[in-house]
Amino acid sequence: MMKAKTLLLTLSTLVAFSTASMAAAPDSAEKAPHQHKQQQQKRQQMAPGAMLKRQLASLDLSAEQKQAVAAVLAEHRANQGDAAERAADKQAWQALMDAPQFDETTAKLLLEKRRAKHEERQLHALQLRHQINQILTVAQREQLKNQREERRSKGEGRDGEGKHEGRRAKAERSA
């Protein structure tokens, strides 16, 4: 008799939860396209060249400067990694994770390859910034520098501390 009551209680709880989750599902389905669009817009805003494009758009470049910047950006894009190479890297990481035994040597090699590619991307980004700076006038360089400084300072609070302050720093400050 006790087992029957427990079973009945468990089943009724399960039915109540599944009914509640089914009732909530249409709301989440309606929100999904909107959330997807927001996520897509966020990714576009955070794309590697998006910030640079916004900054350059505010500089009032001449037609010659715009052509020169476009050429530099096209060259930069042409020198970026190959999609096939990225797919091969992804497969190598997946093979490492799917292997029955962890291969530390392979993992170290993959990590080293990733670090080297990251360093190479940073070097290319610095070269790109340098090439674009050479196209700009002194006044435009100063304006770009001010924009970057302003963007950096937006992350700071009134007391000069960063906006991404951790819990430990907040606790130490309030103590």
N, C-alpha and C. Protein backbone atom coordinates (compact mmCIF):
# COMPACT_ATOMS: atom_id res chain seq x y z
N MET A 1 0.83 -1.18 0.00
CA MET A 1 0.00 0.00 0.00
C MET A 1 0.88 1.26 0.00
N MET A 2 1.95 1.23 0.79
CA MET A 2 2.86 2.37 0.87
C MET A 2 3.58 2.58 -0.46
N LYS A 3 3.97 1.47 -1.13
CA LYS A 3 4.64 1.57 -2.41
C LYS A 3 3.69 2.16 -3.46
N ALA A 4 2.45 1.82 -3.40
CA ALA A 4 1.47 2.32 -4.36
C ALA A 4 1.29 3.83 -4.17
N LYS A 5 1.24 4.29 -2.92
CA LYS A 5 1.10 5.72 -2.66
C LYS A 5 2.34 6.48 -3.14
N THR A 6 3.51 5.92 -2.91
CA THR A 6 4.75 6.55 -3.34
C THR A 6 4.80 6.61 -4.87
N LEU A 7 4.41 5.51 -5.50
CA LEU A 7 4.39 5.47 -6.95
C LEU A 7 3.40 6.48 -7.51
N LEU A 8 2.23 6.57 -6.92
CA LEU A 8 1.21 7.50 -7.37
C LEU A 8 1.69 8.94 -7.19
N LEU A 9 2.31 9.23 -6.07
CA LEU A 9 2.84 10.57 -5.81
C LEU A 9 3.95 10.92 -6.81
N THR A 10 4.84 9.98 -7.09
CA THR A 10 5.91 10.20 -8.05
C THR A 10 5.36 10.46 -9.44
N LEU A 11 4.38 9.64 -9.86
CA LEU A 11 3.79 9.81 -11.18
C LEU A 11 3.06 11.15 -11.31
N SER A 12 2.31 11.51 -10.27
CA SER A 12 1.58 12.79 -10.35
C SER A 12 2.55 13.97 -10.39
N THR A 13 3.66 13.88 -9.68
CA THR A 13 4.67 14.94 -9.72
C THR A 13 5.29 15.01 -11.10
N LEU A 14 5.59 13.86 -11.68
CA LEU A 14 6.17 13.81 -13.01
C LEU A 14 5.23 14.40 -14.05
N VAL A 15 3.94 14.06 -13.96
CA VAL A 15 2.95 14.60 -14.90
C VAL A 15 2.84 16.11 -14.73
N ALA A 16 2.84 16.60 -13.50
CA ALA A 16 2.73 18.04 -13.25
C ALA A 16 3.92 18.79 -13.84
N PHE A 17 5.13 18.25 -13.65
CA PHE A 17 6.32 18.91 -14.19
C PHE A 17 6.34 18.88 -15.71
N SER A 18 5.97 17.74 -16.29
CA SER A 18 5.99 17.66 -17.75
C SER A 18 4.92 18.56 -18.36
N THR A 19 3.77 18.69 -17.71
CA THR A 19 2.72 19.58 -18.20
C THR A 19 3.18 21.03 -18.12
N ALA A 20 3.81 21.37 -17.01
CA ALA A 20 4.30 22.74 -16.84
C ALA A 20 5.39 23.07 -17.86
N SER A 21 6.27 22.11 -18.14
CA SER A 21 7.32 22.37 -19.11
C SER A 21 6.76 22.46 -20.52
N MET A 22 5.72 21.68 -20.83
CA MET A 22 5.10 21.76 -22.15
C MET A 22 4.36 23.09 -22.31
N ALA A 23 3.77 23.57 -21.24
CA ALA A 23 3.08 24.85 -21.30
C ALA A 23 4.06 26.00 -21.52
N ALA A 24 5.25 25.85 -20.98
CA ALA A 24 6.26 26.90 -21.12
C ALA A 24 6.97 26.82 -22.47
N ALA A 25 6.93 25.70 -23.13
CA ALA A 25 7.64 25.51 -24.39
C ALA A 25 7.20 26.47 -25.49
N PRO A 26 5.90 26.73 -25.69
CA PRO A 26 5.54 27.68 -26.76
C PRO A 26 6.13 29.07 -26.54
N ASP A 27 6.21 29.52 -25.29
CA ASP A 27 6.80 30.83 -25.03
C ASP A 27 8.26 30.85 -25.43
N SER A 28 9.00 29.79 -25.09
CA SER A 28 10.42 29.78 -25.43
C SER A 28 10.61 29.64 -26.94
N ALA A 29 9.69 28.96 -27.62
CA ALA A 29 9.80 28.82 -29.07
C ALA A 29 9.55 30.16 -29.75
N GLU A 30 8.64 30.96 -29.19
CA GLU A 30 8.37 32.27 -29.77
C GLU A 30 9.55 33.21 -29.56
N LYS A 31 10.25 33.08 -28.46
CA LYS A 31 11.36 33.97 -28.15
C LYS A 31 12.63 33.57 -28.91
N ALA A 32 12.72 32.31 -29.30
CA ALA A 32 13.95 31.80 -29.90
C ALA A 32 14.41 32.59 -31.12
N PRO A 33 13.56 32.89 -32.11
CA PRO A 33 14.08 33.64 -33.26
C PRO A 33 14.61 35.02 -32.87
N HIS A 34 13.94 35.67 -31.94
CA HIS A 34 14.39 36.99 -31.50
C HIS A 34 15.74 36.89 -30.80
N GLN A 35 15.88 35.88 -29.93
CA GLN A 35 17.15 35.70 -29.23
C GLN A 35 18.25 35.35 -30.21
N HIS A 36 17.92 34.54 -31.22
CA HIS A 36 18.92 34.16 -32.22
C HIS A 36 19.39 35.39 -32.97
N LYS A 37 18.46 36.27 -33.33
CA LYS A 37 18.82 37.49 -34.04
C LYS A 37 19.72 38.38 -33.19
N GLN A 38 19.40 38.49 -31.90
CA GLN A 38 20.23 39.29 -31.00
C GLN A 38 21.63 38.70 -30.89
N GLN A 39 21.72 37.38 -30.78
CA GLN A 39 23.02 36.73 -30.69
C GLN A 39 23.82 36.94 -31.97
N GLN A 40 23.15 36.87 -33.10
CA GLN A 40 23.82 37.07 -34.38
C GLN A 40 24.33 38.50 -34.49
N GLN A 41 23.52 39.48 -34.07
CA GLN A 41 23.95 40.87 -34.11
C GLN A 41 25.14 41.08 -33.18
N LYS A 42 25.12 40.46 -32.01
CA LYS A 42 26.22 40.59 -31.06
C LYS A 42 27.52 40.03 -31.66
N ARG A 43 27.40 38.87 -32.34
CA ARG A 43 28.58 38.28 -32.97
C ARG A 43 29.14 39.20 -34.05
N GLN A 44 28.25 39.82 -34.83
CA GLN A 44 28.70 40.73 -35.88
C GLN A 44 29.38 41.95 -35.28
N GLN A 45 28.85 42.45 -34.17
CA GLN A 45 29.45 43.61 -33.52
C GLN A 45 30.82 43.27 -32.94
N MET A 46 30.98 42.03 -32.51
CA MET A 46 32.22 41.62 -31.88
C MET A 46 33.18 40.96 -32.87
N ALA A 47 32.82 40.93 -34.15
CA ALA A 47 33.68 40.32 -35.16
C ALA A 47 35.03 41.04 -35.17
N PRO A 48 36.10 40.33 -35.54
CA PRO A 48 37.43 40.91 -35.46
C PRO A 48 37.60 42.29 -36.09
N GLY A 49 37.01 42.55 -37.25
CA GLY A 49 37.22 43.84 -37.89
C GLY A 49 36.12 44.85 -37.65
N ALA A 50 35.07 44.47 -36.91
CA ALA A 50 33.91 45.34 -36.75
C ALA A 50 34.26 46.64 -36.02
N MET A 51 35.02 46.54 -34.96
CA MET A 51 35.38 47.73 -34.19
C MET A 51 36.23 48.67 -35.03
N LEU A 52 37.18 48.13 -35.75
CA LEU A 52 38.04 48.95 -36.60
C LEU A 52 37.21 49.66 -37.67
N LYS A 53 36.26 48.95 -38.27
CA LYS A 53 35.42 49.56 -39.30
C LYS A 53 34.59 50.71 -38.73
N ARG A 54 34.05 50.53 -37.53
CA ARG A 54 33.26 51.60 -36.90
C ARG A 54 34.15 52.81 -36.59
N GLN A 55 35.34 52.54 -36.10
CA GLN A 55 36.25 53.64 -35.78
C GLN A 55 36.66 54.40 -37.03
N LEU A 56 36.98 53.67 -38.09
CA LEU A 56 37.40 54.33 -39.32
C LEU A 56 36.25 55.09 -39.97
N ALA A 57 35.04 54.61 -39.82
CA ALA A 57 33.88 55.28 -40.40
C ALA A 57 33.69 56.67 -39.79
N SER A 58 34.10 56.85 -38.55
CA SER A 58 33.92 58.13 -37.88
C SER A 58 35.06 59.12 -38.16
N LEU A 59 36.05 58.73 -38.96
CA LEU A 59 37.22 59.57 -39.19
C LEU A 59 37.10 60.50 -40.39
N ASP A 60 36.07 60.39 -41.17
CA ASP A 60 35.88 61.24 -42.34
C ASP A 60 37.09 61.10 -43.29
N LEU A 61 37.27 59.88 -43.79
CA LEU A 61 38.39 59.60 -44.68
C LEU A 61 38.12 60.14 -46.08
N SER A 62 39.16 60.50 -46.77
CA SER A 62 39.03 60.93 -48.17
C SER A 62 38.80 59.69 -49.04
N ALA A 63 38.43 59.89 -50.29
CA ALA A 63 38.19 58.77 -51.21
C ALA A 63 39.45 57.95 -51.40
N GLU A 64 40.59 58.62 -51.52
CA GLU A 64 41.87 57.90 -51.67
C GLU A 64 42.18 57.06 -50.44
N GLN A 65 41.94 57.65 -49.26
CA GLN A 65 42.20 56.91 -48.01
C GLN A 65 41.27 55.70 -47.91
N LYS A 66 40.01 55.88 -48.28
CA LYS A 66 39.07 54.75 -48.23
C LYS A 66 39.52 53.62 -49.14
N GLN A 67 40.00 53.96 -50.33
CA GLN A 67 40.49 52.94 -51.25
C GLN A 67 41.73 52.24 -50.69
N ALA A 68 42.61 53.01 -50.11
CA ALA A 68 43.83 52.43 -49.54
C ALA A 68 43.50 51.51 -48.37
N VAL A 69 42.59 51.95 -47.50
CA VAL A 69 42.18 51.12 -46.36
C VAL A 69 41.51 49.85 -46.86
N ALA A 70 40.64 49.97 -47.87
CA ALA A 70 39.97 48.80 -48.42
C ALA A 70 40.98 47.80 -48.98
N ALA A 71 42.02 48.31 -49.64
CA ALA A 71 43.06 47.43 -50.18
C ALA A 71 43.82 46.71 -49.07
N VAL A 72 44.14 47.45 -48.01
CA VAL A 72 44.86 46.85 -46.87
C VAL A 72 44.00 45.79 -46.21
N LEU A 73 42.71 46.09 -46.02
CA LEU A 73 41.80 45.12 -45.39
C LEU A 73 41.63 43.88 -46.27
N ALA A 74 41.54 44.07 -47.58
CA ALA A 74 41.41 42.93 -48.50
C ALA A 74 42.65 42.04 -48.43
N GLU A 75 43.81 42.67 -48.38
CA GLU A 75 45.06 41.91 -48.28
C GLU A 75 45.10 41.15 -46.95
N HIS A 76 44.66 41.79 -45.89
CA HIS A 76 44.64 41.16 -44.57
C HIS A 76 43.71 39.94 -44.57
N ARG A 77 42.52 40.10 -45.17
CA ARG A 77 41.58 38.97 -45.23
C ARG A 77 42.15 37.83 -46.06
N ALA A 78 42.85 38.16 -47.15
CA ALA A 78 43.43 37.12 -48.00
C ALA A 78 44.50 36.32 -47.26
N ASN A 79 45.16 36.95 -46.30
CA ASN A 79 46.23 36.27 -45.56
C ASN A 79 45.72 35.50 -44.35
N GLN A 80 44.44 35.58 -44.09
CA GLN A 80 43.90 34.85 -42.94
C GLN A 80 43.84 33.36 -43.25
N GLY A 81 43.66 32.58 -42.18
CA GLY A 81 43.68 31.13 -42.29
C GLY A 81 42.63 30.56 -43.22
N ASP A 82 42.92 29.39 -43.73
CA ASP A 82 42.06 28.67 -44.64
C ASP A 82 40.97 27.92 -43.86
N ALA A 83 39.77 27.88 -44.40
CA ALA A 83 38.66 27.18 -43.74
C ALA A 83 38.96 25.69 -43.62
N ALA A 84 39.61 25.12 -44.63
CA ALA A 84 39.94 23.69 -44.59
C ALA A 84 40.94 23.41 -43.46
N GLU A 85 41.86 24.33 -43.27
CA GLU A 85 42.84 24.17 -42.19
C GLU A 85 42.16 24.22 -40.82
N ARG A 86 41.19 25.16 -40.67
CA ARG A 86 40.46 25.25 -39.41
C ARG A 86 39.64 23.98 -39.16
N ALA A 87 39.05 23.44 -40.23
CA ALA A 87 38.27 22.21 -40.09
C ALA A 87 39.17 21.04 -39.68
N ALA A 88 40.37 20.97 -40.26
CA ALA A 88 41.31 19.91 -39.89
C ALA A 88 41.73 20.04 -38.43
N ASP A 89 41.96 21.27 -37.98
CA ASP A 89 42.32 21.49 -36.58
C ASP A 89 41.18 21.04 -35.66
N LYS A 90 39.97 21.37 -36.04
CA LYS A 90 38.81 20.99 -35.24
C LYS A 90 38.70 19.47 -35.16
N GLN A 91 38.94 18.79 -36.28
CA GLN A 91 38.89 17.33 -36.29
C GLN A 91 39.99 16.74 -35.41
N ALA A 92 41.16 17.34 -35.41
CA ALA A 92 42.25 16.84 -34.57
C ALA A 92 41.89 16.96 -33.09
N TRP A 93 41.28 18.10 -32.71
CA TRP A 93 40.86 18.26 -31.31
C TRP A 93 39.77 17.25 -30.96
N GLN A 94 38.84 17.04 -31.88
CA GLN A 94 37.76 16.08 -31.62
C GLN A 94 38.31 14.67 -31.51
N ALA A 95 39.28 14.32 -32.35
CA ALA A 95 39.89 13.00 -32.28
C ALA A 95 40.60 12.80 -30.94
N LEU A 96 41.25 13.84 -30.45
CA LEU A 96 41.90 13.77 -29.15
C LEU A 96 40.88 13.48 -28.05
N MET A 97 39.75 14.17 -28.11
CA MET A 97 38.73 13.99 -27.07
C MET A 97 37.99 12.67 -27.19
N ASP A 98 37.87 12.14 -28.41
CA ASP A 98 37.14 10.90 -28.63
C ASP A 98 37.99 9.65 -28.41
N ALA A 99 39.31 9.82 -28.33
CA ALA A 99 40.21 8.68 -28.17
C ALA A 99 39.96 7.99 -26.82
N PRO A 100 40.08 6.66 -26.79
CA PRO A 100 39.85 5.95 -25.53
C PRO A 100 40.86 6.31 -24.43
N GLN A 101 42.10 6.64 -24.84
CA GLN A 101 43.13 7.04 -23.90
C GLN A 101 43.58 8.46 -24.23
N PHE A 102 43.80 9.26 -23.19
CA PHE A 102 44.26 10.63 -23.41
C PHE A 102 45.71 10.61 -23.85
N ASP A 103 46.02 11.29 -24.94
CA ASP A 103 47.37 11.37 -25.48
C ASP A 103 47.95 12.74 -25.15
N GLU A 104 48.75 12.80 -24.10
CA GLU A 104 49.29 14.06 -23.63
C GLU A 104 50.22 14.71 -24.65
N THR A 105 50.98 13.91 -25.35
CA THR A 105 51.90 14.43 -26.36
C THR A 105 51.13 15.14 -27.48
N THR A 106 50.08 14.51 -27.96
CA THR A 106 49.25 15.12 -29.00
C THR A 106 48.60 16.39 -28.48
N ALA A 107 48.12 16.34 -27.25
CA ALA A 107 47.48 17.52 -26.66
C ALA A 107 48.46 18.68 -26.58
N LYS A 108 49.67 18.42 -26.16
CA LYS A 108 50.69 19.47 -26.07
C LYS A 108 51.01 20.04 -27.45
N LEU A 109 51.08 19.16 -28.45
CA LEU A 109 51.35 19.63 -29.82
C LEU A 109 50.20 20.51 -30.33
N LEU A 110 48.96 20.10 -30.07
CA LEU A 110 47.80 20.89 -30.49
C LEU A 110 47.77 22.24 -29.77
N LEU A 111 48.09 22.23 -28.49
CA LEU A 111 48.12 23.48 -27.73
C LEU A 111 49.21 24.42 -28.26
N GLU A 112 50.37 23.85 -28.57
CA GLU A 112 51.46 24.67 -29.11
C GLU A 112 51.08 25.25 -30.47
N LYS A 113 50.43 24.44 -31.28
CA LYS A 113 49.99 24.92 -32.60
C LYS A 113 48.97 26.05 -32.43
N ARG A 114 48.06 25.90 -31.48
CA ARG A 114 47.06 26.94 -31.22
C ARG A 114 47.73 28.23 -30.74
N ARG A 115 48.72 28.10 -29.84
CA ARG A 115 49.42 29.26 -29.33
C ARG A 115 50.17 29.99 -30.46
N ALA A 116 50.81 29.22 -31.32
CA ALA A 116 51.55 29.82 -32.43
C ALA A 116 50.60 30.54 -33.39
N LYS A 117 49.44 29.96 -33.65
CA LYS A 117 48.47 30.62 -34.54
C LYS A 117 47.92 31.89 -33.90
N HIS A 118 47.71 31.85 -32.60
CA HIS A 118 47.23 33.03 -31.90
C HIS A 118 48.27 34.15 -31.99
N GLU A 119 49.51 33.80 -31.78
CA GLU A 119 50.59 34.79 -31.87
C GLU A 119 50.67 35.36 -33.29
N GLU A 120 50.51 34.51 -34.27
CA GLU A 120 50.55 34.95 -35.66
C GLU A 120 49.39 35.90 -35.97
N ARG A 121 48.19 35.59 -35.45
CA ARG A 121 47.03 36.47 -35.65
C ARG A 121 47.27 37.83 -35.00
N GLN A 122 47.85 37.83 -33.81
CA GLN A 122 48.13 39.08 -33.13
C GLN A 122 49.15 39.90 -33.93
N LEU A 123 50.15 39.25 -34.46
CA LEU A 123 51.16 39.94 -35.26
C LEU A 123 50.52 40.56 -36.50
N HIS A 124 49.65 39.80 -37.17
CA HIS A 124 48.96 40.32 -38.35
C HIS A 124 48.06 41.50 -37.99
N ALA A 125 47.41 41.44 -36.83
CA ALA A 125 46.55 42.54 -36.40
C ALA A 125 47.37 43.79 -36.15
N LEU A 126 48.54 43.64 -35.54
CA LEU A 126 49.42 44.79 -35.32
C LEU A 126 49.91 45.38 -36.64
N GLN A 127 50.25 44.49 -37.58
CA GLN A 127 50.68 44.96 -38.89
C GLN A 127 49.55 45.72 -39.58
N LEU A 128 48.34 45.22 -39.46
CA LEU A 128 47.18 45.88 -40.05
C LEU A 128 46.99 47.27 -39.47
N ARG A 129 47.03 47.36 -38.14
CA ARG A 129 46.89 48.67 -37.49
C ARG A 129 47.97 49.64 -37.95
N HIS A 130 49.19 49.14 -38.06
CA HIS A 130 50.31 49.98 -38.49
C HIS A 130 50.08 50.48 -39.92
N GLN A 131 49.68 49.57 -40.81
CA GLN A 131 49.45 49.96 -42.20
C GLN A 131 48.34 51.01 -42.30
N ILE A 132 47.28 50.83 -41.54
CA ILE A 132 46.18 51.79 -41.56
C ILE A 132 46.63 53.12 -40.98
N ASN A 133 47.41 53.09 -39.91
CA ASN A 133 47.93 54.34 -39.33
C ASN A 133 48.76 55.13 -40.34
N GLN A 134 49.48 54.42 -41.21
CA GLN A 134 50.30 55.10 -42.21
C GLN A 134 49.44 55.80 -43.27
N ILE A 135 48.21 55.35 -43.44
CA ILE A 135 47.30 55.96 -44.40
C ILE A 135 46.66 57.23 -43.83
N LEU A 136 46.49 57.27 -42.51
CA LEU A 136 45.78 58.37 -41.86
C LEU A 136 46.65 59.62 -41.74
N THR A 137 45.99 60.76 -41.64
CA THR A 137 46.70 62.01 -41.36
C THR A 137 47.00 62.05 -39.87
N VAL A 138 47.83 62.99 -39.46
CA VAL A 138 48.19 63.14 -38.04
C VAL A 138 46.93 63.41 -37.21
N ALA A 139 46.04 64.26 -37.71
CA ALA A 139 44.82 64.59 -36.98
C ALA A 139 43.91 63.36 -36.85
N GLN A 140 43.83 62.55 -37.91
CA GLN A 140 43.01 61.35 -37.87
C GLN A 140 43.60 60.32 -36.91
N ARG A 141 44.92 60.22 -36.88
CA ARG A 141 45.57 59.31 -35.92
C ARG A 141 45.24 59.72 -34.49
N GLU A 142 45.29 61.01 -34.24
CA GLU A 142 44.98 61.52 -32.91
C GLU A 142 43.53 61.23 -32.55
N GLN A 143 42.63 61.42 -33.51
CA GLN A 143 41.21 61.14 -33.28
C GLN A 143 41.00 59.65 -33.00
N LEU A 144 41.67 58.79 -33.75
CA LEU A 144 41.56 57.35 -33.53
C LEU A 144 42.11 56.97 -32.16
N LYS A 145 43.21 57.58 -31.79
CA LYS A 145 43.81 57.33 -30.46
C LYS A 145 42.84 57.74 -29.36
N ASN A 146 42.20 58.90 -29.51
CA ASN A 146 41.23 59.36 -28.52
C ASN A 146 40.03 58.42 -28.43
N GLN A 147 39.58 57.92 -29.56
CA GLN A 147 38.46 56.97 -29.56
C GLN A 147 38.83 55.71 -28.79
N ARG A 148 40.02 55.21 -29.01
CA ARG A 148 40.46 53.99 -28.31
C ARG A 148 40.57 54.23 -26.80
N GLU A 149 41.12 55.37 -26.43
CA GLU A 149 41.23 55.70 -25.00
C GLU A 149 39.86 55.85 -24.37
N GLU A 150 38.94 56.47 -25.08
CA GLU A 150 37.58 56.64 -24.57
C GLU A 150 36.90 55.29 -24.39
N ARG A 151 37.11 54.40 -25.36
CA ARG A 151 36.52 53.06 -25.26
C ARG A 151 37.08 52.31 -24.06
N ARG A 152 38.37 52.44 -23.84
CA ARG A 152 38.99 51.77 -22.68
C ARG A 152 38.46 52.35 -21.37
N SER A 153 38.27 53.66 -21.33
CA SER A 153 37.83 54.28 -20.08
C SER A 153 36.37 53.98 -19.78
N LYS A 154 35.58 53.62 -20.78
CA LYS A 154 34.18 53.27 -20.54
C LYS A 154 34.07 52.06 -19.63
N GLY A 155 35.07 51.21 -19.65
CA GLY A 155 35.06 50.02 -18.82
C GLY A 155 35.38 50.30 -17.37
N GLU A 156 35.72 51.53 -17.06
CA GLU A 156 36.10 51.87 -15.69
C GLU A 156 34.95 52.56 -14.97
N GLY A 157 34.86 52.30 -13.69
CA GLY A 157 33.85 52.95 -12.87
C GLY A 157 34.31 54.33 -12.46
N ARG A 158 33.51 54.99 -11.65
CA ARG A 158 33.83 56.36 -11.22
C ARG A 158 35.11 56.43 -10.43
N ASP A 159 35.38 55.36 -9.67
CA ASP A 159 36.58 55.37 -8.83
C ASP A 159 37.80 54.83 -9.57
N GLY A 160 37.66 54.59 -10.87
CA GLY A 160 38.81 54.17 -11.67
C GLY A 160 39.04 52.67 -11.69
N GLU A 161 38.18 51.91 -11.02
CA GLU A 161 38.36 50.46 -11.02
C GLU A 161 37.63 49.87 -12.21
N GLY A 162 38.15 48.77 -12.74
CA GLY A 162 37.58 48.14 -13.93
C GLY A 162 36.17 47.65 -13.73
N LYS A 163 35.42 47.59 -14.82
CA LYS A 163 34.03 47.17 -14.73
C LYS A 163 33.94 45.67 -14.51
N HIS A 164 34.96 44.92 -14.84
CA HIS A 164 34.94 43.47 -14.67
C HIS A 164 35.65 43.05 -13.38
N GLU A 165 35.41 43.80 -12.36
CA GLU A 165 36.05 43.55 -11.08
C GLU A 165 35.51 42.25 -10.48
N GLY A 166 36.38 41.44 -9.96
CA GLY A 166 35.97 40.17 -9.39
C GLY A 166 35.42 40.29 -7.98
N ARG A 167 34.83 39.18 -7.49
CA ARG A 167 34.23 39.17 -6.15
C ARG A 167 35.26 39.44 -5.07
N ARG A 168 36.44 38.86 -5.23
CA ARG A 168 37.47 39.02 -4.20
C ARG A 168 37.88 40.49 -4.09
N ALA A 169 38.07 41.17 -5.21
CA ALA A 169 38.44 42.59 -5.16
C ALA A 169 37.33 43.43 -4.54
N LYS A 170 36.09 43.11 -4.86
CA LYS A 170 34.97 43.85 -4.27
C LYS A 170 34.91 43.63 -2.76
N ALA A 171 35.14 42.39 -2.33
CA ALA A 171 35.12 42.08 -0.91
C ALA A 171 36.25 42.80 -0.18
N GLU A 172 37.43 42.82 -0.79
CA GLU A 172 38.57 43.50 -0.17
C GLU A 172 38.33 45.00 -0.07
N ARG A 173 37.69 45.56 -1.09
CA ARG A 173 37.43 46.98 -1.09
C ARG A 173 36.39 47.35 -0.04
N SER A 174 35.37 46.51 0.12
CA SER A 174 34.31 46.83 1.09
C SER A 174 34.72 46.52 2.52
N ALA A 175 35.76 45.70 2.70
CA ALA A 175 36.19 45.33 4.06
C ALA A 175 37.01 46.42 4.73
